Amino acid sequence: MKPLIMKDLLEKTFKFSLSFKNLTSETSVDRGVLLTNCYADGCTITIPPKSTVTGHHVLLHFNLPGPTKVRVKMQITGKVLEVQPVSAKKSEVTIHFNQFVKEEWYAFLNRLDFEQEVINTVVKKLKQI
C-alpha cells in the first residue's frame, strides 16, 4: 500500500523550477536554487555561497506548471536583505520584492498551501498503515 501512495504523491506533486540572477554582479545560478520560505512581499532561498551579498538587486525566474502542462513564467525583482551561510556549499538569502505581480505571487502562495495540505493528507494516511 505504501508504494502506491508515494507514487501517487510524486506524480501529483506541484513541480516548479527557480533560477536566480544577481543583477548587480551579473552572475546567475540556474541549478540548486531552493525556495525555503515565502512571505507576502519576499522569500528566502538557498543558493551557493558567494552568489550575492546584502544590498544586491536580483531577479528570480519561476517556471511553473500551467493548465494542460503549459509552462507559466513568473519574474520577480528584489533586493537582498540578508545572507546567512548554512554550510560550506549553501547560503540562505532573504529577498524583499521590488517589482512583481502581486496576483501571480499570491496565486503561487495559494498553490503551495494547497500542495502542503495534499502532502499532510498523504503523511496521515501513511501513519495509519
N, C-alpha and C. Protein backbone atom coordinates (compact mmCIF):
# COMPACT_ATOMS: atom_id res chain seq x y z
N MET A 1 0.82 -1.20 0.00
CA MET A 1 0.00 0.00 0.00
C MET A 1 0.87 1.27 0.00
N LYS A 2 1.93 1.27 0.76
CA LYS A 2 2.78 2.46 0.84
C LYS A 2 3.36 2.88 -0.51
N PRO A 3 3.89 1.95 -1.33
CA PRO A 3 4.44 2.38 -2.62
C PRO A 3 3.40 3.06 -3.51
N LEU A 4 2.15 2.61 -3.46
CA LEU A 4 1.11 3.23 -4.28
C LEU A 4 0.83 4.66 -3.83
N ILE A 5 0.81 4.89 -2.53
CA ILE A 5 0.58 6.24 -2.02
C ILE A 5 1.73 7.15 -2.41
N MET A 6 2.96 6.68 -2.29
CA MET A 6 4.12 7.50 -2.64
C MET A 6 4.14 7.79 -4.15
N LYS A 7 3.80 6.80 -4.97
CA LYS A 7 3.76 7.01 -6.42
C LYS A 7 2.73 8.08 -6.75
N ASP A 8 1.56 7.99 -6.14
CA ASP A 8 0.50 8.96 -6.36
C ASP A 8 0.97 10.36 -5.94
N LEU A 9 1.62 10.46 -4.81
CA LEU A 9 2.12 11.75 -4.33
C LEU A 9 3.15 12.33 -5.29
N LEU A 10 4.09 11.52 -5.73
CA LEU A 10 5.14 12.01 -6.62
C LEU A 10 4.60 12.44 -7.98
N GLU A 11 3.59 11.72 -8.47
CA GLU A 11 3.02 12.08 -9.77
C GLU A 11 2.20 13.36 -9.72
N LYS A 12 1.60 13.64 -8.58
CA LYS A 12 0.70 14.79 -8.47
C LYS A 12 1.34 16.00 -7.81
N THR A 13 2.57 15.87 -7.39
CA THR A 13 3.22 16.97 -6.69
C THR A 13 3.45 18.16 -7.63
N PHE A 14 3.21 19.33 -7.12
CA PHE A 14 3.42 20.59 -7.83
C PHE A 14 4.93 20.79 -8.02
N LYS A 15 5.35 20.84 -9.26
CA LYS A 15 6.78 20.98 -9.54
C LYS A 15 7.03 22.29 -10.26
N PHE A 16 8.07 22.98 -9.82
CA PHE A 16 8.45 24.22 -10.47
C PHE A 16 9.96 24.35 -10.39
N SER A 17 10.51 25.15 -11.27
CA SER A 17 11.94 25.43 -11.19
C SER A 17 12.14 26.90 -10.88
N LEU A 18 13.26 27.18 -10.29
CA LEU A 18 13.58 28.54 -9.87
C LEU A 18 15.03 28.83 -10.22
N SER A 19 15.25 29.94 -10.91
CA SER A 19 16.62 30.37 -11.18
C SER A 19 16.83 31.75 -10.58
N PHE A 20 18.08 32.08 -10.35
CA PHE A 20 18.49 33.28 -9.63
C PHE A 20 19.51 34.03 -10.48
N LYS A 21 19.30 35.33 -10.65
CA LYS A 21 20.29 36.15 -11.33
C LYS A 21 20.59 37.36 -10.46
N ASN A 22 21.86 37.56 -10.19
CA ASN A 22 22.31 38.72 -9.45
C ASN A 22 22.49 39.85 -10.46
N LEU A 23 21.60 40.83 -10.43
CA LEU A 23 21.66 41.93 -11.40
C LEU A 23 22.81 42.88 -11.12
N THR A 24 23.26 42.92 -9.88
CA THR A 24 24.36 43.81 -9.52
C THR A 24 25.70 43.29 -10.04
N SER A 25 25.96 42.00 -9.83
CA SER A 25 27.24 41.43 -10.26
C SER A 25 27.13 40.69 -11.59
N GLU A 26 25.91 40.60 -12.13
CA GLU A 26 25.64 39.93 -13.40
C GLU A 26 26.09 38.47 -13.40
N THR A 27 25.78 37.77 -12.32
CA THR A 27 26.04 36.33 -12.23
C THR A 27 24.71 35.60 -12.06
N SER A 28 24.68 34.33 -12.46
CA SER A 28 23.45 33.56 -12.41
C SER A 28 23.66 32.21 -11.73
N VAL A 29 22.57 31.70 -11.16
CA VAL A 29 22.53 30.35 -10.62
C VAL A 29 21.26 29.71 -11.18
N ASP A 30 21.45 28.66 -11.99
CA ASP A 30 20.30 28.02 -12.62
C ASP A 30 19.93 26.69 -11.97
N ARG A 31 20.85 26.10 -11.23
CA ARG A 31 20.59 24.81 -10.60
C ARG A 31 20.85 24.90 -9.10
N GLY A 32 20.06 24.16 -8.37
CA GLY A 32 20.27 24.10 -6.94
C GLY A 32 19.69 25.27 -6.16
N VAL A 33 18.84 26.07 -6.80
CA VAL A 33 18.17 27.16 -6.11
C VAL A 33 16.93 26.58 -5.43
N LEU A 34 16.85 26.69 -4.12
CA LEU A 34 15.73 26.14 -3.37
C LEU A 34 14.95 27.24 -2.69
N LEU A 35 13.65 27.20 -2.83
CA LEU A 35 12.76 28.13 -2.15
C LEU A 35 12.49 27.55 -0.76
N THR A 36 12.89 28.27 0.29
CA THR A 36 12.74 27.72 1.65
C THR A 36 11.63 28.39 2.45
N ASN A 37 11.36 29.66 2.21
CA ASN A 37 10.28 30.38 2.89
C ASN A 37 9.68 31.41 1.95
N CYS A 38 8.37 31.64 2.13
CA CYS A 38 7.67 32.64 1.32
C CYS A 38 6.99 33.65 2.23
N TYR A 39 6.96 34.90 1.80
CA TYR A 39 6.32 35.97 2.54
C TYR A 39 5.42 36.74 1.57
N ALA A 40 4.61 37.62 2.08
CA ALA A 40 3.70 38.40 1.24
C ALA A 40 4.47 39.23 0.20
N ASP A 41 5.65 39.72 0.56
CA ASP A 41 6.42 40.55 -0.36
C ASP A 41 7.89 40.15 -0.40
N GLY A 42 8.14 38.85 -0.30
CA GLY A 42 9.51 38.38 -0.36
C GLY A 42 9.61 36.89 -0.17
N CYS A 43 10.85 36.42 -0.11
CA CYS A 43 11.09 35.00 0.09
C CYS A 43 12.50 34.78 0.61
N THR A 44 12.75 33.55 1.00
CA THR A 44 14.09 33.12 1.38
C THR A 44 14.44 31.94 0.48
N ILE A 45 15.62 31.99 -0.10
CA ILE A 45 16.09 30.92 -0.97
C ILE A 45 17.44 30.42 -0.46
N THR A 46 17.80 29.23 -0.89
CA THR A 46 19.11 28.68 -0.61
C THR A 46 19.85 28.56 -1.93
N ILE A 47 21.06 29.14 -1.96
CA ILE A 47 21.88 29.14 -3.17
C ILE A 47 23.33 28.90 -2.78
N PRO A 48 24.20 28.65 -3.77
CA PRO A 48 25.62 28.50 -3.46
C PRO A 48 26.18 29.78 -2.80
N PRO A 49 27.15 29.62 -1.91
CA PRO A 49 27.72 30.80 -1.25
C PRO A 49 28.40 31.73 -2.25
N LYS A 50 28.54 32.95 -1.87
CA LYS A 50 29.18 33.99 -2.68
C LYS A 50 28.44 34.31 -3.97
N SER A 51 27.14 33.92 -4.05
CA SER A 51 26.35 34.26 -5.23
C SER A 51 25.80 35.68 -5.15
N THR A 52 25.73 36.20 -3.92
CA THR A 52 25.21 37.55 -3.72
C THR A 52 25.63 38.05 -2.34
N VAL A 53 25.42 39.33 -2.10
CA VAL A 53 25.65 39.93 -0.79
C VAL A 53 24.48 40.86 -0.48
N THR A 54 24.37 41.27 0.77
CA THR A 54 23.31 42.17 1.19
C THR A 54 23.34 43.45 0.35
N GLY A 55 22.16 43.86 -0.10
CA GLY A 55 22.04 45.10 -0.87
C GLY A 55 22.01 44.89 -2.38
N HIS A 56 22.40 43.72 -2.85
CA HIS A 56 22.38 43.48 -4.29
C HIS A 56 20.96 43.36 -4.81
N HIS A 57 20.78 43.73 -6.06
CA HIS A 57 19.49 43.59 -6.74
C HIS A 57 19.51 42.27 -7.51
N VAL A 58 18.39 41.55 -7.43
CA VAL A 58 18.35 40.21 -8.01
C VAL A 58 17.07 40.01 -8.82
N LEU A 59 17.11 39.01 -9.68
CA LEU A 59 15.96 38.59 -10.47
C LEU A 59 15.71 37.12 -10.20
N LEU A 60 14.48 36.80 -9.81
CA LEU A 60 14.07 35.41 -9.64
C LEU A 60 13.18 35.04 -10.80
N HIS A 61 13.44 33.90 -11.39
CA HIS A 61 12.64 33.44 -12.53
C HIS A 61 12.04 32.10 -12.17
N PHE A 62 10.70 32.07 -12.04
CA PHE A 62 9.97 30.85 -11.72
C PHE A 62 9.40 30.27 -13.01
N ASN A 63 9.56 28.99 -13.20
CA ASN A 63 8.97 28.26 -14.31
C ASN A 63 7.95 27.32 -13.71
N LEU A 64 6.67 27.63 -13.88
CA LEU A 64 5.58 26.96 -13.18
C LEU A 64 4.72 26.14 -14.13
N PRO A 65 4.13 25.05 -13.62
CA PRO A 65 3.19 24.31 -14.45
C PRO A 65 1.90 25.10 -14.61
N GLY A 66 1.32 25.00 -15.76
CA GLY A 66 0.04 25.65 -16.01
C GLY A 66 -0.98 24.62 -16.48
N PRO A 67 -2.13 25.08 -16.92
CA PRO A 67 -3.15 24.14 -17.41
C PRO A 67 -2.62 23.36 -18.62
N THR A 68 -2.95 22.11 -18.67
CA THR A 68 -2.53 21.20 -19.75
C THR A 68 -1.03 21.25 -20.02
N LYS A 69 -0.28 21.28 -18.94
CA LYS A 69 1.19 21.22 -18.97
C LYS A 69 1.85 22.41 -19.65
N VAL A 70 1.13 23.50 -19.83
CA VAL A 70 1.72 24.73 -20.35
C VAL A 70 2.53 25.35 -19.22
N ARG A 71 3.72 25.82 -19.53
CA ARG A 71 4.56 26.42 -18.50
C ARG A 71 4.25 27.91 -18.37
N VAL A 72 4.19 28.37 -17.14
CA VAL A 72 3.94 29.77 -16.85
C VAL A 72 5.21 30.34 -16.26
N LYS A 73 5.62 31.47 -16.75
CA LYS A 73 6.86 32.08 -16.26
C LYS A 73 6.51 33.30 -15.41
N MET A 74 7.11 33.36 -14.25
CA MET A 74 6.89 34.48 -13.34
C MET A 74 8.27 35.05 -13.01
N GLN A 75 8.44 36.34 -13.24
CA GLN A 75 9.71 37.00 -12.93
C GLN A 75 9.49 38.03 -11.84
N ILE A 76 10.43 38.04 -10.90
CA ILE A 76 10.33 38.95 -9.76
C ILE A 76 11.70 39.57 -9.52
N THR A 77 11.73 40.89 -9.38
CA THR A 77 12.99 41.54 -9.00
C THR A 77 12.90 41.93 -7.53
N GLY A 78 14.05 41.93 -6.90
CA GLY A 78 14.07 42.26 -5.48
C GLY A 78 15.45 42.69 -5.03
N LYS A 79 15.53 42.94 -3.75
CA LYS A 79 16.77 43.37 -3.12
C LYS A 79 17.11 42.40 -2.00
N VAL A 80 18.38 42.02 -1.92
CA VAL A 80 18.84 41.09 -0.90
C VAL A 80 18.91 41.83 0.44
N LEU A 81 18.14 41.31 1.41
CA LEU A 81 18.12 41.90 2.75
C LEU A 81 19.15 41.25 3.68
N GLU A 82 19.36 39.94 3.48
CA GLU A 82 20.24 39.22 4.40
C GLU A 82 20.80 37.98 3.72
N VAL A 83 22.06 37.68 4.03
CA VAL A 83 22.70 36.46 3.56
C VAL A 83 23.29 35.75 4.78
N GLN A 84 22.86 34.51 4.99
CA GLN A 84 23.35 33.72 6.11
C GLN A 84 23.97 32.44 5.58
N PRO A 85 25.25 32.16 5.91
CA PRO A 85 25.83 30.88 5.49
C PRO A 85 25.15 29.72 6.23
N VAL A 86 24.81 28.68 5.49
CA VAL A 86 24.20 27.49 6.06
C VAL A 86 25.25 26.40 6.18
N SER A 87 26.10 26.29 5.17
CA SER A 87 27.19 25.33 5.15
C SER A 87 28.25 25.86 4.19
N ALA A 88 29.27 25.06 3.95
CA ALA A 88 30.31 25.47 3.01
C ALA A 88 29.78 25.55 1.58
N LYS A 89 28.64 24.87 1.32
CA LYS A 89 28.11 24.81 -0.04
C LYS A 89 26.80 25.58 -0.22
N LYS A 90 26.25 26.16 0.87
CA LYS A 90 24.96 26.82 0.77
C LYS A 90 24.89 28.08 1.62
N SER A 91 24.15 29.06 1.11
CA SER A 91 23.81 30.25 1.87
C SER A 91 22.31 30.46 1.77
N GLU A 92 21.72 30.96 2.85
CA GLU A 92 20.31 31.29 2.85
C GLU A 92 20.18 32.79 2.63
N VAL A 93 19.39 33.16 1.62
CA VAL A 93 19.29 34.55 1.19
C VAL A 93 17.85 35.02 1.32
N THR A 94 17.64 36.11 2.07
CA THR A 94 16.31 36.69 2.22
C THR A 94 16.19 37.87 1.25
N ILE A 95 15.11 37.85 0.47
CA ILE A 95 14.91 38.84 -0.59
C ILE A 95 13.59 39.56 -0.37
N HIS A 96 13.62 40.89 -0.49
CA HIS A 96 12.40 41.70 -0.48
C HIS A 96 12.07 42.03 -1.92
N PHE A 97 10.82 41.77 -2.34
CA PHE A 97 10.43 42.01 -3.72
C PHE A 97 10.20 43.49 -3.98
N ASN A 98 10.76 43.97 -5.09
CA ASN A 98 10.54 45.35 -5.53
C ASN A 98 9.52 45.42 -6.65
N GLN A 99 9.67 44.53 -7.63
CA GLN A 99 8.76 44.51 -8.77
C GLN A 99 8.23 43.10 -8.95
N PHE A 100 6.91 42.95 -8.79
CA PHE A 100 6.27 41.66 -9.01
C PHE A 100 4.78 41.88 -9.16
N VAL A 101 4.14 40.93 -9.82
CA VAL A 101 2.69 40.98 -9.98
C VAL A 101 2.10 40.28 -8.76
N LYS A 102 1.50 41.07 -7.88
CA LYS A 102 1.01 40.53 -6.62
C LYS A 102 0.03 39.39 -6.82
N GLU A 103 -0.86 39.51 -7.79
CA GLU A 103 -1.85 38.46 -8.03
C GLU A 103 -1.18 37.14 -8.39
N GLU A 104 -0.13 37.19 -9.22
CA GLU A 104 0.60 35.97 -9.59
C GLU A 104 1.29 35.36 -8.37
N TRP A 105 1.94 36.20 -7.58
CA TRP A 105 2.65 35.71 -6.40
C TRP A 105 1.67 35.11 -5.39
N TYR A 106 0.56 35.78 -5.15
CA TYR A 106 -0.42 35.25 -4.19
C TYR A 106 -1.05 33.95 -4.70
N ALA A 107 -1.27 33.85 -6.01
CA ALA A 107 -1.78 32.60 -6.57
C ALA A 107 -0.77 31.48 -6.37
N PHE A 108 0.50 31.80 -6.53
CA PHE A 108 1.57 30.83 -6.29
C PHE A 108 1.58 30.39 -4.83
N LEU A 109 1.45 31.35 -3.92
CA LEU A 109 1.42 31.02 -2.48
C LEU A 109 0.22 30.13 -2.15
N ASN A 110 -0.93 30.44 -2.74
CA ASN A 110 -2.12 29.61 -2.52
C ASN A 110 -1.90 28.19 -3.03
N ARG A 111 -1.24 28.07 -4.16
CA ARG A 111 -0.96 26.73 -4.71
C ARG A 111 -0.02 25.96 -3.79
N LEU A 112 0.98 26.64 -3.25
CA LEU A 112 1.89 25.99 -2.30
C LEU A 112 1.14 25.53 -1.05
N ASP A 113 0.22 26.35 -0.56
CA ASP A 113 -0.60 25.96 0.60
C ASP A 113 -1.42 24.71 0.29
N PHE A 114 -2.03 24.68 -0.89
CA PHE A 114 -2.82 23.53 -1.29
C PHE A 114 -1.96 22.28 -1.36
N GLU A 115 -0.79 22.39 -1.97
CA GLU A 115 0.12 21.24 -2.09
C GLU A 115 0.57 20.74 -0.73
N GLN A 116 0.78 21.65 0.21
CA GLN A 116 1.17 21.24 1.55
C GLN A 116 0.06 20.44 2.21
N GLU A 117 -1.17 20.83 1.97
CA GLU A 117 -2.32 20.08 2.52
C GLU A 117 -2.38 18.67 1.93
N VAL A 118 -2.09 18.55 0.63
CA VAL A 118 -2.07 17.23 -0.01
C VAL A 118 -0.99 16.35 0.64
N ILE A 119 0.17 16.92 0.85
CA ILE A 119 1.26 16.18 1.49
C ILE A 119 0.87 15.78 2.91
N ASN A 120 0.27 16.68 3.65
CA ASN A 120 -0.17 16.36 5.02
C ASN A 120 -1.15 15.20 5.03
N THR A 121 -2.07 15.17 4.07
CA THR A 121 -3.05 14.09 3.98
C THR A 121 -2.36 12.76 3.71
N VAL A 122 -1.38 12.74 2.82
CA VAL A 122 -0.66 11.52 2.50
C VAL A 122 0.12 11.03 3.72
N VAL A 123 0.76 11.95 4.42
CA VAL A 123 1.53 11.56 5.60
C VAL A 123 0.60 10.95 6.65
N LYS A 124 -0.57 11.52 6.83
CA LYS A 124 -1.54 10.96 7.78
C LYS A 124 -1.95 9.54 7.37
N LYS A 125 -2.16 9.33 6.06
CA LYS A 125 -2.52 8.00 5.57
C LYS A 125 -1.39 7.00 5.85
N LEU A 126 -0.16 7.44 5.63
CA LEU A 126 0.99 6.55 5.87
C LEU A 126 1.11 6.18 7.34
N LYS A 127 0.79 7.09 8.22
CA LYS A 127 0.87 6.81 9.65
C LYS A 127 -0.20 5.81 10.08
N GLN A 128 -1.30 5.75 9.35
CA GLN A 128 -2.39 4.83 9.69
C GLN A 128 -2.11 3.41 9.22
N ILE A 129 -1.17 3.25 8.31
CA ILE A 129 -0.88 1.92 7.77
C ILE A 129 -0.03 1.12 8.74
